[in-house]
Protein backbone atom coordinates (compact mmCIF):
# COMPACT_ATOMS: atom_id res chain seq x y z
CA MET A 1 0.02 0.01 0.02
CA LYS A 2 2.79 2.44 0.92
CA VAL A 3 4.62 1.77 -2.34
CA THR A 4 1.45 2.43 -4.36
CA HIS A 5 0.96 5.62 -2.58
CA PHE A 6 4.53 6.75 -3.12
CA PHE A 7 4.24 6.07 -6.96
CA LYS A 8 1.06 7.90 -7.23
CA GLN A 9 2.55 10.90 -5.50
CA LEU A 10 5.53 10.77 -7.64
CA ASN A 11 3.50 10.51 -10.87
CA LYS A 12 1.35 13.61 -9.65
CA ASN A 13 4.50 15.64 -8.97
CA LEU A 14 5.94 14.69 -12.22
CA ILE A 15 2.88 15.61 -14.14
CA GLY A 16 2.85 18.98 -12.24
CA LYS A 17 6.39 19.83 -13.24
CA LEU A 18 5.90 18.85 -16.93
CA HIS A 19 2.85 21.13 -16.96
CA GLN A 20 4.82 23.98 -15.46
CA THR A 21 7.50 23.48 -18.05
CA SER A 22 5.23 23.52 -20.98
CA GLU A 23 3.09 26.35 -19.67
CA PHE A 24 5.97 28.98 -19.57
CA GLN A 25 7.08 28.03 -23.08
CA ARG A 26 3.69 29.05 -24.51
CA ARG A 27 3.83 32.39 -22.99
CA MET A 28 4.20 35.57 -25.15
CA TRP A 29 4.56 39.14 -24.10
CA ILE A 30 4.51 42.54 -25.73
CA VAL A 31 7.08 44.80 -24.07
CA ASN A 32 7.33 48.55 -24.22
CA VAL A 33 10.37 50.06 -22.87
CA ARG A 34 10.54 53.86 -22.33
CA GLU A 35 13.78 55.59 -21.31
CA SER A 36 12.53 59.11 -22.26
CA THR A 37 10.00 60.85 -24.54
CA LEU A 38 12.40 60.56 -27.35
CA LYS A 39 13.46 56.90 -26.83
CA ASN A 40 10.63 54.44 -26.79
CA GLU A 41 10.84 50.80 -28.02
CA SER A 42 8.28 47.99 -28.33
CA PHE A 43 8.80 44.35 -29.10
CA VAL A 44 7.62 40.91 -28.71
CA VAL A 45 9.15 38.51 -26.30
CA SER A 46 8.27 34.75 -26.77
CA GLU A 47 9.25 32.36 -24.06
CA ASP A 48 9.37 29.32 -26.57
CA SER A 49 13.00 29.45 -27.00
CA PHE A 50 13.74 30.00 -23.39
CA SER A 51 15.50 27.36 -21.33
CA GLU A 52 13.77 28.59 -18.02
CA PRO A 53 10.72 30.70 -17.00
CA MET A 54 11.18 34.48 -17.19
CA GLN A 55 14.71 34.20 -18.74
CA TRP A 56 14.37 37.39 -20.65
CA MET A 57 13.30 39.20 -17.57
CA LYS A 58 16.00 37.89 -15.38
CA ARG A 59 18.48 39.12 -18.26
CA GLN A 60 17.01 42.74 -17.75
CA ASN A 61 17.53 42.64 -14.09
CA TYR A 62 13.99 42.41 -12.95
CA THR A 63 13.62 41.69 -9.21
CA ASP A 64 12.15 38.56 -7.79
CA TYR A 65 9.05 40.62 -6.99
CA MET A 66 8.48 41.87 -10.53
CA ILE A 67 9.08 38.16 -11.81
CA ASP A 68 6.46 36.86 -9.34
CA GLU A 69 3.92 39.57 -10.40
CA LEU A 70 4.49 38.73 -14.15
CA ASP A 71 4.25 34.97 -13.37
CA GLN A 72 0.72 35.52 -12.08
CA LEU A 73 -0.52 37.55 -14.92
CA LYS A 74 -3.36 36.02 -16.90
CA LEU A 75 -3.99 36.65 -20.65
CA SER A 76 -4.59 40.37 -21.53
CA GLN A 77 -3.24 41.61 -18.35
CA SER A 78 -0.41 44.07 -17.95
CA ALA A 79 2.14 45.24 -15.58
CA ASN A 80 4.43 48.31 -15.27
CA PHE A 81 7.84 48.44 -13.61
CA LYS A 82 10.67 50.80 -13.33
CA VAL A 83 13.89 49.13 -14.23
CA GLY A 84 16.91 51.42 -13.89
CA ASN A 85 16.05 54.55 -15.76
CA ALA A 86 13.50 53.08 -17.97
CA GLU A 87 9.79 52.26 -17.55
CA HIS A 88 8.88 48.66 -18.63
CA CYS A 89 5.29 47.89 -19.56
CA LEU A 90 4.61 44.20 -20.23
CA PHE A 91 1.27 42.93 -21.63
CA ARG A 92 0.63 38.96 -21.72
CA VAL A 93 -0.83 38.10 -25.07
CA LYS A 94 -0.39 34.34 -24.98
């Protein structure tokens, strides 16, 4: 009985991890970075090619708080953050 319970729990944990891995790779963001009124860039960030969740955000020096906020966003939600001297507005589209 204990062995069966162990394998059921192991299977449940494995399925959860696989779902998390596939979920982050499907996310897509529209990012707008404003450093000044004259310097304003927008682009698409797709996590399809990432090896870990929020890899682009980590490279941009987002704090753990910012990454947690973004990780909880649902489709069509946005978040704004101040990163260095720039304002980053991220919109989750997928």
